[in-house]
Amino acid sequence: MNSLLTLATQLQVELPHPMAMALLGVPMNEMDLQNGDSWDPSPQIPAGAVDPIDTIFAWGRGIVVVIGIIGVLFCAGKMAVGKFGRSDLAAEGVGGLVWTVLGISLMLVAVPIVTLLL
């Protein structure tokens, strides 16, 4: 790749964009960046995008809480009906309650993890 830079310099040809050169495997320190261009490899969230993302996460947490309450009430209803002679339905309600609590916990833990990664 160094020969490519030498040839471009001798022919006075404009080099491709720095990103294209990086994709070709030319190390950044060997590139002659033109017009003061520079390339910062660290990703950053665009300005003004954090507030809408936080709003989406807040709505997501609210929806998870509402779905969780509905799930717990549904399991409680199964257990109440199971008390009147249908023990299999009561056992199913208890099992559903465990899965509901685990699902709510997983969904509520996912939001802080994603926020941490941003």
Protein backbone atom coordinates (compact mmCIF):
# COMPACT_ATOMS: atom_id res chain seq x y z
CA MET A 1 0.00 0.00 0.00
CA ASN A 2 2.98 2.29 0.54
CA SER A 3 3.68 2.03 -3.19
CA LEU A 4 0.15 3.29 -3.84
CA LEU A 5 0.86 6.41 -1.79
CA THR A 6 4.19 6.94 -3.56
CA LEU A 7 2.60 6.53 -6.99
CA ALA A 8 -0.22 8.91 -6.12
CA THR A 9 2.27 11.49 -4.90
CA GLN A 10 4.41 11.21 -8.06
CA LEU A 11 1.42 11.50 -10.37
CA GLN A 12 -0.09 14.28 -8.26
CA VAL A 13 -3.38 12.40 -8.16
CA GLU A 14 -5.93 13.05 -5.43
CA LEU A 15 -6.18 10.09 -3.09
CA PRO A 16 -9.54 8.52 -2.31
CA HIS A 17 -11.42 9.47 0.83
CA PRO A 18 -9.60 8.47 4.05
CA MET A 19 -12.37 6.00 4.90
CA ALA A 20 -11.87 4.23 1.56
CA MET A 21 -8.13 4.10 2.17
CA ALA A 22 -8.75 2.60 5.61
CA LEU A 23 -10.99 -0.05 4.05
CA LEU A 24 -8.17 -0.86 1.61
CA GLY A 25 -5.91 -1.52 4.57
CA VAL A 26 -3.76 1.59 4.47
CA PRO A 27 -2.87 2.49 8.07
CA MET A 28 -4.05 5.92 9.14
CA ASN A 29 -0.56 7.12 10.06
CA GLU A 30 0.67 6.50 6.49
CA MET A 31 -2.14 8.42 4.84
CA ASP A 32 -1.63 11.95 3.69
CA LEU A 33 -4.89 13.50 4.83
CA GLN A 34 -5.81 16.31 2.51
CA ASN A 35 -7.45 19.61 3.43
CA GLY A 36 -6.97 18.97 7.13
CA ASP A 37 -9.41 16.06 7.11
CA SER A 38 -9.16 13.68 9.99
CA TRP A 39 -10.92 10.51 10.92
CA ASP A 40 -11.98 9.80 14.49
CA PRO A 41 -12.69 6.08 14.85
CA SER A 42 -14.57 6.41 18.15
CA PRO A 43 -18.35 6.18 17.61
CA GLN A 44 -20.51 8.90 19.12
CA ILE A 45 -24.23 9.46 19.38
CA PRO A 46 -25.34 12.46 17.32
CA ALA A 47 -26.17 15.59 19.30
CA GLY A 48 -29.84 15.79 20.21
CA ALA A 49 -30.44 12.05 19.85
CA VAL A 50 -30.11 11.21 23.54
CA ASP A 51 -33.41 12.78 24.64
CA PRO A 52 -35.57 10.86 22.13
CA ILE A 53 -33.77 7.61 23.03
CA ASP A 54 -34.45 8.23 26.73
CA THR A 55 -38.11 8.91 25.90
CA ILE A 56 -38.38 5.61 24.00
CA PHE A 57 -36.79 3.74 26.92
CA ALA A 58 -39.16 5.43 29.39
CA TRP A 59 -42.16 4.39 27.30
CA GLY A 60 -40.73 0.87 27.06
CA ARG A 61 -40.35 0.62 30.83
CA GLY A 62 -43.92 1.85 31.31
CA ILE A 63 -45.29 -0.68 28.85
CA VAL A 64 -43.33 -3.48 30.55
CA VAL A 65 -44.79 -2.51 33.93
CA VAL A 66 -48.36 -2.48 32.55
CA ILE A 67 -47.88 -5.86 30.84
CA GLY A 68 -46.37 -7.22 34.07
CA ILE A 69 -49.35 -6.08 36.13
CA ILE A 70 -51.75 -7.69 33.64
CA GLY A 71 -49.74 -10.93 33.78
CA VAL A 72 -49.73 -11.02 37.57
CA LEU A 73 -53.50 -10.38 37.66
CA PHE A 74 -54.06 -13.13 35.10
CA CYS A 75 -52.04 -15.61 37.20
CA ALA A 76 -53.89 -14.51 40.35
CA GLY A 77 -57.19 -15.13 38.56
CA LYS A 78 -56.10 -18.65 37.65
CA MET A 79 -55.13 -19.35 41.26
CA ALA A 80 -58.49 -18.00 42.52
CA VAL A 81 -60.44 -20.19 40.09
CA GLY A 82 -58.22 -23.13 41.06
CA LYS A 83 -59.27 -22.73 44.70
CA PHE A 84 -62.81 -23.79 43.77
CA GLY A 85 -61.90 -27.36 42.91
CA ARG A 86 -59.63 -27.06 39.87
CA SER A 87 -56.21 -27.58 41.43
CA ASP A 88 -54.52 -28.02 38.05
CA LEU A 89 -55.50 -24.47 37.11
CA ALA A 90 -54.13 -23.16 40.44
CA ALA A 91 -50.81 -24.94 39.83
CA GLU A 92 -50.70 -23.47 36.33
CA GLY A 93 -51.29 -20.00 37.79
CA VAL A 94 -48.38 -20.38 40.23
CA GLY A 95 -46.10 -21.55 37.41
CA GLY A 96 -47.24 -18.66 35.25
CA LEU A 97 -46.53 -16.24 38.09
CA VAL A 98 -42.92 -17.41 38.27
CA TRP A 99 -42.45 -16.98 34.53
CA THR A 100 -44.16 -13.58 34.63
CA VAL A 101 -41.84 -12.29 37.36
CA LEU A 102 -38.78 -13.63 35.51
CA GLY A 103 -39.92 -12.01 32.25
CA ILE A 104 -40.58 -8.66 33.91
CA SER A 105 -37.17 -8.77 35.58
CA LEU A 106 -35.42 -9.56 32.30
CA MET A 107 -37.18 -6.75 30.45
CA LEU A 108 -36.52 -4.18 33.18
CA VAL A 109 -32.82 -5.14 33.42
CA ALA A 110 -32.39 -4.89 29.63
CA VAL A 111 -33.03 -1.13 29.55
CA PRO A 112 -30.16 -0.14 31.91
CA ILE A 113 -27.79 -2.49 30.09
CA VAL A 114 -28.59 -0.91 26.72
CA THR A 115 -28.34 2.57 28.26
CA LEU A 116 -24.92 1.66 29.67
CA LEU A 117 -23.74 0.58 26.22
CA LEU A 118 -24.85 3.89 24.70
